[in-house]
Amino acid sequence: MGSFYTNHTVRGPSQAQLLEWLHDRPAFVSKVEHGQAVVLDAECEEQDGEVLAGLASQISKQFSCPVLAVLNHDDDVLYFELYENGIKTDEYNSSPSFFDESADTDEPLGGDAERLCSVFNATDPEKVEAALRGDYVFAFKRHRDLALALGLPIYSVGLGYNYVSEGDLPPDAPDGEYKHSEA
């Protein structure tokens, strides 16, 4: 069985600002590293794309910042949406026919390497493009390569609310650095 997780990488606000804004919503927020924090939301773990997008849009609008909302479904599909100032500016699906059998292709769709590099101050769109279009067996490995290419916190890979709440952190996760919004 593959991994299931969702998370939001947020560029700009502090951990304290995010925790205060999320105040009564069950979520974990990582420490800020290189200007980025990772939000792990309990409701998003249901893998409802509308909930994932709604939270990303709200955070992005509230803090006038970019947010990358990521969903990994059973390590078969990596899906993300990029929000800037509350507006969706990019979308990516590594396996469009997984949930939509009528899809014309099973090749990855979307994902603008140039935009992603610009938003996250990355310098090599070719590495980003390779992660988006490359041949991967497991979605978390695609996510890892995308995170490395964009300079995102590596501990955002393979990590969601359920894993942290169960104490199942990947080796690169900042142990003890996730704070719960209800704490």
Protein backbone atom coordinates (compact mmCIF):
# COMPACT_ATOMS: atom_id res chain seq x y z
CA MET A 1 0.00 0.00 0.00
CA GLY A 2 1.33 3.42 -0.96
CA SER A 3 1.25 6.63 0.99
CA PHE A 4 -1.68 9.00 1.25
CA TYR A 5 -1.02 12.59 2.32
CA THR A 6 -1.81 16.22 1.69
CA ASN A 7 0.04 19.35 2.67
CA HIS A 8 0.46 23.02 1.88
CA THR A 9 3.86 24.64 1.48
CA VAL A 10 3.45 28.31 2.33
CA ARG A 11 6.03 30.94 1.45
CA GLY A 12 5.98 34.05 3.61
CA PRO A 13 4.14 34.00 6.93
CA SER A 14 5.66 32.81 10.18
CA GLN A 15 4.69 29.67 12.04
CA ALA A 16 3.03 31.83 14.72
CA GLN A 17 1.00 33.77 12.13
CA LEU A 18 -0.22 30.56 10.51
CA LEU A 19 -1.08 28.96 13.87
CA GLU A 20 -3.01 32.05 14.95
CA TRP A 21 -4.94 32.14 11.67
CA LEU A 22 -5.72 28.40 11.81
CA HIS A 23 -6.52 28.72 15.57
CA ASP A 24 -9.43 26.27 15.82
CA ARG A 25 -8.80 24.19 12.71
CA PRO A 26 -6.96 20.92 13.50
CA ALA A 27 -3.62 21.35 11.75
CA PHE A 28 0.10 21.14 12.32
CA VAL A 29 2.45 23.87 11.13
CA SER A 30 6.18 23.32 10.70
CA LYS A 31 8.89 25.73 11.65
CA VAL A 32 9.81 28.17 8.88
CA GLU A 33 12.79 27.12 6.83
CA HIS A 34 14.13 29.34 4.03
CA GLY A 35 10.96 31.42 4.29
CA GLN A 36 8.64 28.42 3.92
CA ALA A 37 6.40 26.55 6.33
CA VAL A 38 4.41 23.36 5.78
CA VAL A 39 0.78 23.19 6.90
CA LEU A 40 -0.67 19.74 7.56
CA ASP A 41 -4.47 19.99 7.82
CA ALA A 42 -6.71 17.27 9.26
CA GLU A 43 -9.69 17.90 7.00
CA CYS A 44 -7.55 17.85 3.86
CA GLU A 45 -6.42 14.30 4.67
CA GLU A 46 -9.82 13.13 3.38
CA GLN A 47 -8.29 13.92 -0.03
CA ASP A 48 -11.18 16.11 -1.14
CA GLY A 49 -9.73 18.39 -3.82
CA GLU A 50 -12.18 21.19 -3.03
CA VAL A 51 -11.15 21.26 0.64
CA LEU A 52 -7.46 21.19 -0.31
CA ALA A 53 -7.94 24.03 -2.81
CA GLY A 54 -10.15 26.04 -0.47
CA LEU A 55 -7.56 26.08 2.29
CA ALA A 56 -4.76 26.94 -0.15
CA SER A 57 -6.74 29.82 -1.59
CA GLN A 58 -7.66 31.16 1.85
CA ILE A 59 -4.11 31.04 3.18
CA SER A 60 -2.75 32.58 0.00
CA LYS A 61 -5.29 35.41 0.06
CA GLN A 62 -4.96 36.06 3.81
CA PHE A 63 -1.17 36.39 3.71
CA SER A 64 -0.76 37.59 0.08
CA CYS A 65 1.63 34.73 -0.51
CA PRO A 66 2.16 31.68 -2.69
CA VAL A 67 0.85 28.32 -1.49
CA LEU A 68 1.55 24.95 -3.10
CA ALA A 69 -1.22 22.50 -2.15
CA VAL A 70 -0.09 18.89 -2.69
CA LEU A 71 -2.03 15.64 -2.69
CA ASN A 72 -0.46 12.19 -2.98
CA HIS A 73 -2.99 9.41 -3.54
CA ASP A 74 -1.69 5.91 -2.77
CA ASP A 75 1.64 6.82 -4.39
CA ASP A 76 -0.13 6.51 -7.75
CA VAL A 77 -1.02 10.17 -8.27
CA LEU A 78 0.75 13.40 -7.39
CA TYR A 79 -1.57 16.36 -7.73
CA PHE A 80 -0.92 19.98 -6.88
CA GLU A 81 -2.37 23.43 -7.24
CA LEU A 82 -0.41 26.66 -6.90
CA TYR A 83 -2.12 29.73 -5.46
CA GLU A 84 -0.85 33.29 -5.54
CA ASN A 85 -2.76 35.99 -3.67
CA GLY A 86 -5.75 33.66 -3.40
CA ILE A 87 -5.89 32.83 -7.12
CA LYS A 88 -5.04 29.45 -8.63
CA THR A 89 -2.19 30.04 -11.09
CA ASP A 90 -1.07 26.49 -11.82
CA GLU A 91 -2.34 22.93 -11.56
CA TYR A 92 -0.70 19.57 -12.10
CA ASN A 93 -1.85 15.95 -12.26
CA SER A 94 0.69 13.16 -12.74
CA SER A 95 -1.95 10.63 -13.82
CA PRO A 96 -5.11 12.24 -15.23
CA SER A 97 -6.85 8.97 -16.07
CA PHE A 98 -6.51 7.55 -12.54
CA PHE A 99 -9.76 9.16 -11.39
CA ASP A 100 -11.18 10.03 -14.81
CA GLU A 101 -11.29 7.05 -17.16
CA SER A 102 -12.50 9.33 -19.95
CA ALA A 103 -9.25 11.34 -19.84
CA ASP A 104 -7.49 11.46 -23.20
CA THR A 105 -4.09 10.69 -21.73
CA ASP A 106 -2.32 9.25 -18.76
CA GLU A 107 0.67 11.51 -19.37
CA PRO A 108 1.16 14.20 -16.72
CA LEU A 109 -0.89 17.34 -17.34
CA GLY A 110 -0.19 20.89 -16.24
CA GLY A 111 2.64 22.15 -14.13
CA ASP A 112 4.42 25.29 -15.34
CA ALA A 113 8.11 24.84 -14.49
CA GLU A 114 8.95 28.48 -15.24
CA ARG A 115 6.18 29.81 -12.98
CA LEU A 116 7.08 27.41 -10.17
CA CYS A 117 10.73 28.46 -10.38
CA SER A 118 9.77 32.12 -10.32
CA VAL A 119 7.48 31.72 -7.31
CA PHE A 120 9.92 29.65 -5.25
CA ASN A 121 13.13 31.39 -6.42
CA ALA A 122 14.46 28.22 -8.03
CA THR A 123 16.98 28.52 -10.83
CA ASP A 124 16.65 25.36 -12.91
CA PRO A 125 13.31 24.92 -14.69
CA GLU A 126 14.73 21.91 -16.52
CA LYS A 127 15.05 20.02 -13.22
CA VAL A 128 11.49 20.99 -12.35
CA GLU A 129 10.29 19.88 -15.78
CA ALA A 130 12.12 16.55 -15.37
CA ALA A 131 10.32 15.96 -12.07
CA LEU A 132 6.96 16.87 -13.60
CA ARG A 133 7.31 14.78 -16.78
CA GLY A 134 9.71 12.01 -15.74
CA ASP A 135 8.75 8.36 -15.46
CA TYR A 136 8.11 7.50 -11.80
CA VAL A 137 6.66 4.39 -10.17
CA PHE A 138 5.91 6.15 -6.87
CA ALA A 139 4.37 9.61 -6.54
CA PHE A 140 6.34 10.44 -3.39
CA LYS A 141 9.56 10.13 -5.39
CA ARG A 142 8.22 12.59 -7.97
CA HIS A 143 7.26 14.88 -5.09
CA ARG A 144 10.77 14.52 -3.59
CA ASP A 145 12.44 15.47 -6.87
CA LEU A 146 10.06 18.41 -7.33
CA ALA A 147 10.77 19.62 -3.78
CA LEU A 148 14.53 19.35 -4.35
CA ALA A 149 14.31 21.20 -7.68
CA LEU A 150 12.23 24.02 -6.16
CA GLY A 151 14.07 24.27 -2.84
CA LEU A 152 10.98 23.30 -0.85
CA PRO A 153 11.36 21.79 2.62
CA ILE A 154 12.24 18.16 1.95
CA TYR A 155 10.17 17.10 4.96
CA SER A 156 7.03 18.15 3.08
CA VAL A 157 7.50 14.97 1.06
CA GLY A 158 5.63 11.99 2.44
CA LEU A 159 4.10 13.97 5.25
CA GLY A 160 0.49 14.74 6.14
CA TYR A 161 -1.60 15.40 9.23
CA ASN A 162 -2.34 11.73 9.87
CA TYR A 163 1.31 10.72 9.79
CA VAL A 164 2.38 13.45 12.22
CA SER A 165 -0.54 12.84 14.59
CA GLU A 166 0.51 9.16 14.73
CA GLY A 167 4.17 10.10 15.27
CA ASP A 168 5.18 8.67 11.89
CA LEU A 169 7.67 11.29 10.71
CA PRO A 170 10.10 10.85 7.81
CA PRO A 171 13.82 11.07 8.65
CA ASP A 172 14.10 14.66 7.34
CA ALA A 173 11.15 15.99 9.37
CA PRO A 174 12.04 18.59 11.97
CA ASP A 175 11.33 16.46 15.03
CA GLY A 176 9.38 18.43 17.60
CA GLU A 177 9.14 21.42 15.28
CA TYR A 178 5.54 20.88 14.26
CA LYS A 179 3.07 22.77 16.40
CA HIS A 180 -0.63 21.99 16.53
CA SER A 181 -3.09 24.81 15.91
CA GLU A 182 -5.33 23.72 18.77
CA ALA A 183 -2.48 23.58 21.28
